[in-house]
Amino acid sequence: MTSATLHVANEPTGNAKLRPNRVPEVTVDFWLIKLMAVTMGETAADYLAVNLGLGLTATSLIMSAVFAAILAYQFRQQRYVPWVYWATVVLISIVGTLVTDNLVDNFGVSLPTTTIAFSAALAATFAIWYAIEGTLSIHTIYSFRREAFYWLAILFTFALGTSVGDLVAEQFAIGYLTTGLLFGAIIAAIAVIWYVLRTNSILAFWLAYILTRPLGASFGDLLSQPIEYGGLGFGTVITSLIFLICIVAIVAYATLRQSRSEARTRAAA
């Protein structure tokens, strides 16, 4: 799935093409890394908060600081740099998860309330983004303001995805595998509807983006949680390392491919 471009009426198309997009195109690689990033975000957050004994509050403060640093570095790139971008995604997945966990566990906010609140926050972000920029396309993220809207929307998608996933798991208690298959089926249905009916591609993209979080978290929990709790007992360390290695390998491949593409472009110039 890709996002359709909705151009700003008064923006010359030629000027847009001169500036590099700061985020990746939506490809199979994109969805693979994103799914693994959210899975690792779930298991890494559990490892830091539980296994290392840092607790939810300390983990939230530490990871928010690390995320702020890598996000600032991402803004400095002003173009798509695979390792910086995906490091930002991994960290924002952790922080988005922790935002919901803090509201629920530390402040006693119910999951239905957080689900509604983050849905409203995400909708407001999109409304303001479109009102100011005239587009929600991820193919034209070439200014600081557009990138700021982009990352804010992503933060809310992770927080919302956490709320939705935890709400389903709590309400239905259907287990990690079944929960993962359920969200996988919903994402597949969105893809089929988009492909067959040619529905709004931006809506389809963001719906899929939200739902990959509970999908990845379910399989992360399935692998990492003890057998007596319905998992396979690999633990958070092994599970996190498995997905980290996969992410690094695919990002390295994407970096090499981008370098070769840029070299061909320079040679042809």
Protein backbone atom coordinates (compact mmCIF):
# COMPACT_ATOMS: atom_id res chain seq x y z
CA MET A 1 0.00 0.00 0.00
CA THR A 2 1.22 3.47 -0.76
CA SER A 3 -0.14 6.89 0.08
CA ALA A 4 -1.61 8.93 -2.72
CA THR A 5 -0.11 12.37 -3.22
CA LEU A 6 -2.44 15.30 -2.60
CA HIS A 7 -0.50 18.31 -3.87
CA VAL A 8 -0.74 21.76 -2.31
CA ALA A 9 -2.61 23.91 -4.79
CA ASN A 10 -0.10 26.79 -4.81
CA GLU A 11 3.06 24.68 -4.66
CA PRO A 12 5.02 24.25 -7.88
CA THR A 13 5.57 20.59 -8.62
CA GLY A 14 9.09 21.28 -9.86
CA ASN A 15 10.17 22.74 -6.52
CA ALA A 16 8.87 19.66 -4.71
CA LYS A 17 10.98 17.40 -6.89
CA LEU A 18 14.16 19.33 -6.07
CA ARG A 19 13.92 18.48 -2.39
CA PRO A 20 14.58 14.92 -1.20
CA ASN A 21 11.90 13.06 0.69
CA ARG A 22 12.91 12.49 4.31
CA VAL A 23 11.05 9.20 4.78
CA PRO A 24 11.14 5.93 2.84
CA GLU A 25 8.82 4.80 0.11
CA VAL A 26 6.21 2.24 1.13
CA THR A 27 7.59 -1.06 -0.10
CA VAL A 28 7.70 -4.64 1.14
CA ASP A 29 10.95 -3.75 2.94
CA PHE A 30 9.15 -0.90 4.67
CA TRP A 31 6.42 -3.13 6.11
CA LEU A 32 8.87 -5.88 7.10
CA ILE A 33 11.12 -3.51 9.04
CA LYS A 34 8.16 -1.69 10.55
CA LEU A 35 6.63 -4.93 11.80
CA MET A 36 9.90 -6.08 13.30
CA ALA A 37 10.53 -2.64 14.81
CA VAL A 38 7.23 -2.65 16.70
CA THR A 39 7.83 -6.22 17.84
CA MET A 40 11.23 -5.29 19.17
CA GLY A 41 9.78 -2.14 20.72
CA GLU A 42 7.37 -4.24 22.75
CA THR A 43 9.94 -6.78 23.96
CA ALA A 44 12.66 -4.17 24.60
CA ALA A 45 10.28 -2.08 26.71
CA ASP A 46 9.36 -5.16 28.75
CA TYR A 47 13.04 -6.03 29.21
CA LEU A 48 13.98 -2.56 30.43
CA ALA A 49 10.99 -2.12 32.73
CA VAL A 50 10.74 -5.66 34.13
CA ASN A 51 13.92 -7.67 33.61
CA LEU A 52 16.31 -4.83 34.44
CA GLY A 53 14.02 -3.68 37.23
CA LEU A 54 14.02 -0.04 36.10
CA GLY A 55 10.27 0.26 36.49
CA LEU A 56 7.80 1.94 34.18
CA THR A 57 8.53 5.54 35.19
CA ALA A 58 12.33 5.32 34.97
CA THR A 59 12.14 3.40 31.70
CA SER A 60 9.81 6.03 30.26
CA LEU A 61 12.12 8.90 31.21
CA ILE A 62 15.25 7.21 29.88
CA MET A 63 13.72 6.10 26.61
CA SER A 64 12.04 9.46 26.03
CA ALA A 65 15.42 11.17 26.38
CA VAL A 66 17.08 8.72 23.98
CA PHE A 67 14.20 9.12 21.53
CA ALA A 68 14.42 12.92 21.68
CA ALA A 69 18.12 12.73 20.83
CA ILE A 70 17.70 10.41 17.84
CA LEU A 71 14.68 12.40 16.60
CA ALA A 72 16.75 15.61 16.67
CA TYR A 73 19.44 13.79 14.66
CA GLN A 74 16.80 12.56 12.22
CA PHE A 75 15.61 16.15 11.62
CA ARG A 76 19.20 17.20 10.90
CA GLN A 77 19.50 14.74 8.01
CA GLN A 78 16.93 16.53 5.80
CA ARG A 79 16.75 13.38 3.68
CA TYR A 80 16.06 9.68 4.14
CA VAL A 81 18.98 7.97 5.86
CA PRO A 82 17.88 4.36 6.53
CA TRP A 83 19.66 3.65 9.82
CA VAL A 84 18.70 6.98 11.38
CA TYR A 85 15.09 6.73 10.26
CA TRP A 86 14.58 3.17 11.48
CA ALA A 87 16.37 3.79 14.78
CA THR A 88 13.85 6.60 15.28
CA VAL A 89 10.97 4.24 14.48
CA VAL A 90 12.19 1.61 16.96
CA LEU A 91 12.52 4.22 19.71
CA ILE A 92 9.20 5.90 18.98
CA SER A 93 7.54 2.48 19.11
CA ILE A 94 8.96 2.02 22.61
CA VAL A 95 7.94 5.52 23.74
CA GLY A 96 4.46 5.24 22.22
CA THR A 97 3.94 1.97 24.08
CA LEU A 98 5.18 3.51 27.32
CA VAL A 99 2.82 6.49 26.96
CA THR A 100 -0.18 4.17 26.98
CA ASP A 101 1.26 1.93 29.70
CA ASN A 102 1.83 4.93 31.96
CA LEU A 103 -1.68 6.26 31.48
CA VAL A 104 -3.19 2.85 32.24
CA ASP A 105 -0.87 1.52 34.95
CA ASN A 106 0.29 4.69 36.71
CA PHE A 107 -2.70 6.97 36.27
CA GLY A 108 -5.55 4.45 36.16
CA VAL A 109 -6.96 5.57 32.80
CA SER A 110 -9.05 2.81 31.22
CA LEU A 111 -8.10 1.27 27.88
CA PRO A 112 -11.39 2.33 26.21
CA THR A 113 -10.63 5.90 27.29
CA THR A 114 -7.06 5.84 25.97
CA THR A 115 -8.28 4.30 22.71
CA ILE A 116 -10.81 7.09 22.21
CA ALA A 117 -8.35 9.79 23.32
CA PHE A 118 -5.55 8.68 21.00
CA SER A 119 -8.00 8.23 18.12
CA ALA A 120 -9.13 11.83 18.63
CA ALA A 121 -5.53 13.06 18.94
CA LEU A 122 -4.52 11.27 15.73
CA ALA A 123 -7.56 12.60 13.87
CA ALA A 124 -6.78 16.14 15.09
CA THR A 125 -3.17 15.77 13.96
CA PHE A 126 -4.27 14.74 10.48
CA ALA A 127 -6.84 17.55 10.31
CA ILE A 128 -4.32 20.23 11.29
CA TRP A 129 -1.63 18.71 9.06
CA TYR A 130 -3.95 18.80 6.05
CA ALA A 131 -5.33 22.26 6.86
CA ILE A 132 -1.81 23.73 6.96
CA GLU A 133 -0.02 21.68 4.29
CA GLY A 134 -2.86 20.67 1.97
CA THR A 135 -1.57 17.08 1.84
CA LEU A 136 -1.11 14.02 4.02
CA SER A 137 1.14 12.32 1.50
CA ILE A 138 4.26 10.63 2.85
CA HIS A 139 5.86 11.15 -0.56
CA THR A 140 6.38 14.87 0.06
CA ILE A 141 7.90 15.00 3.55
CA TYR A 142 10.61 17.47 2.63
CA SER A 143 10.21 20.28 5.19
CA PHE A 144 10.67 20.48 8.94
CA ARG A 145 6.97 21.19 9.51
CA ARG A 146 5.75 18.26 7.43
CA GLU A 147 8.21 15.93 9.11
CA ALA A 148 7.10 17.18 12.54
CA PHE A 149 3.48 16.33 11.67
CA TYR A 150 4.63 12.95 10.34
CA TRP A 151 6.42 11.94 13.55
CA LEU A 152 3.62 13.27 15.75
CA ALA A 153 1.13 11.14 13.80
CA ILE A 154 3.40 8.11 14.14
CA LEU A 155 3.71 8.63 17.91
CA PHE A 156 -0.08 8.62 18.22
CA THR A 157 -0.38 5.54 15.98
CA PHE A 158 1.88 3.59 18.34
CA ALA A 159 0.05 4.79 21.44
CA LEU A 160 -3.30 4.01 19.79
CA GLY A 161 -2.09 0.64 18.53
CA THR A 162 -0.98 -0.24 22.06
CA SER A 163 -4.39 0.72 23.44
CA VAL A 164 -6.29 -1.23 20.78
CA GLY A 165 -4.11 -4.31 21.16
CA ASP A 166 -4.28 -4.33 24.96
CA LEU A 167 -8.03 -3.68 24.86
CA VAL A 168 -8.64 -6.66 22.57
CA ALA A 169 -6.37 -8.90 24.64
CA GLU A 170 -8.06 -7.82 27.89
CA GLN A 171 -11.63 -8.00 26.64
CA PHE A 172 -11.43 -11.31 24.80
CA ALA A 173 -8.45 -13.10 26.40
CA ILE A 174 -7.87 -15.06 23.19
CA GLY A 175 -4.11 -15.53 23.54
CA TYR A 176 -1.11 -14.07 21.76
CA LEU A 177 -1.27 -16.20 18.62
CA THR A 178 -4.98 -15.71 18.01
CA THR A 179 -4.69 -11.97 18.69
CA GLY A 180 -1.83 -11.70 16.19
CA LEU A 181 -3.74 -13.66 13.56
CA LEU A 182 -6.81 -11.48 14.15
CA PHE A 183 -4.93 -8.24 13.52
CA GLY A 184 -3.10 -9.83 10.59
CA ALA A 185 -6.45 -10.74 9.05
CA ILE A 186 -7.74 -7.18 9.52
CA ILE A 187 -4.64 -5.73 7.83
CA ALA A 188 -5.03 -8.23 4.97
CA ALA A 189 -8.68 -7.18 4.60
CA ILE A 190 -7.65 -3.51 4.44
CA ALA A 191 -5.10 -4.36 1.74
CA VAL A 192 -7.65 -6.32 -0.29
CA ILE A 193 -10.29 -3.59 0.01
CA TRP A 194 -7.75 -0.97 -1.05
CA TYR A 195 -6.53 -3.07 -3.99
CA VAL A 196 -9.94 -4.16 -5.26
CA LEU A 197 -12.04 -1.06 -4.58
CA ARG A 198 -9.23 1.50 -4.88
CA THR A 199 -10.31 3.18 -1.68
CA ASN A 200 -8.41 6.12 -0.21
CA SER A 201 -4.80 4.98 -0.07
CA ILE A 202 -3.81 7.42 2.68
CA LEU A 203 -6.54 6.06 4.95
CA ALA A 204 -5.56 2.47 4.11
CA PHE A 205 -1.89 3.20 4.83
CA TRP A 206 -2.48 4.75 8.25
CA LEU A 207 -4.98 2.07 9.30
CA ALA A 208 -2.45 -0.60 8.43
CA TYR A 209 0.28 1.38 10.19
CA ILE A 210 -1.76 1.52 13.39
CA LEU A 211 -2.64 -2.18 13.33
CA THR A 212 0.89 -3.44 12.69
CA ARG A 213 1.69 -2.38 16.25
CA PRO A 214 -0.70 -4.82 18.01
CA LEU A 215 0.15 -7.41 15.35
CA GLY A 216 3.87 -7.18 16.09
CA ALA A 217 3.37 -6.91 19.84
CA SER A 218 1.23 -10.06 19.88
CA PHE A 219 3.90 -12.12 18.15
CA GLY A 220 6.59 -10.52 20.29
CA ASP A 221 4.73 -11.58 23.42
CA LEU A 222 4.12 -15.02 21.93
CA LEU A 223 7.86 -15.53 21.52
CA SER A 224 9.05 -13.86 24.72
CA GLN A 225 6.50 -14.70 27.40
CA PRO A 226 6.87 -17.82 29.59
CA ILE A 227 5.10 -20.98 28.50
CA GLU A 228 2.79 -20.87 31.55
CA TYR A 229 1.53 -17.48 30.35
CA GLY A 230 0.82 -18.68 26.82
CA GLY A 231 4.17 -17.78 25.23
CA LEU A 232 7.00 -19.86 23.81
CA GLY A 233 9.45 -18.88 26.55
CA PHE A 234 12.31 -17.41 24.50
CA GLY A 235 12.48 -14.39 26.81
CA THR A 236 12.71 -10.69 26.01
CA VAL A 237 16.48 -10.69 25.44
CA ILE A 238 16.55 -13.45 22.81
CA THR A 239 13.40 -12.17 21.10
CA SER A 240 14.70 -8.60 20.97
CA LEU A 241 18.06 -9.76 19.58
CA ILE A 242 16.41 -11.86 16.88
CA PHE A 243 14.40 -8.93 15.59
CA LEU A 244 17.28 -6.48 16.02
CA ILE A 245 19.51 -8.67 13.84
CA CYS A 246 16.78 -8.88 11.19
CA ILE A 247 16.25 -5.11 11.27
CA VAL A 248 19.97 -4.39 10.97
CA ALA A 249 20.30 -6.80 8.03
CA ILE A 250 17.40 -5.28 6.07
CA VAL A 251 18.44 -1.69 6.87
CA ALA A 252 22.00 -2.49 5.75
CA TYR A 253 20.61 -3.83 2.50
CA ALA A 254 18.42 -0.73 2.07
CA THR A 255 21.44 1.51 2.72
CA LEU A 256 23.53 -0.32 0.14
CA ARG A 257 20.73 -0.15 -2.40
CA GLN A 258 20.27 3.58 -1.78
CA SER A 259 24.01 4.21 -2.15
CA ARG A 260 24.07 2.38 -5.47
CA SER A 261 21.03 4.33 -6.68
CA GLU A 262 22.63 7.65 -5.73
CA ALA A 263 25.86 6.61 -7.45
CA ARG A 264 23.97 5.82 -10.66
CA THR A 265 22.18 9.17 -10.44
CA ARG A 266 25.48 11.04 -10.06
CA ALA A 267 27.02 9.11 -12.93
CA ALA A 268 24.09 9.94 -15.19
CA ALA A 269 24.15 13.65 -14.27
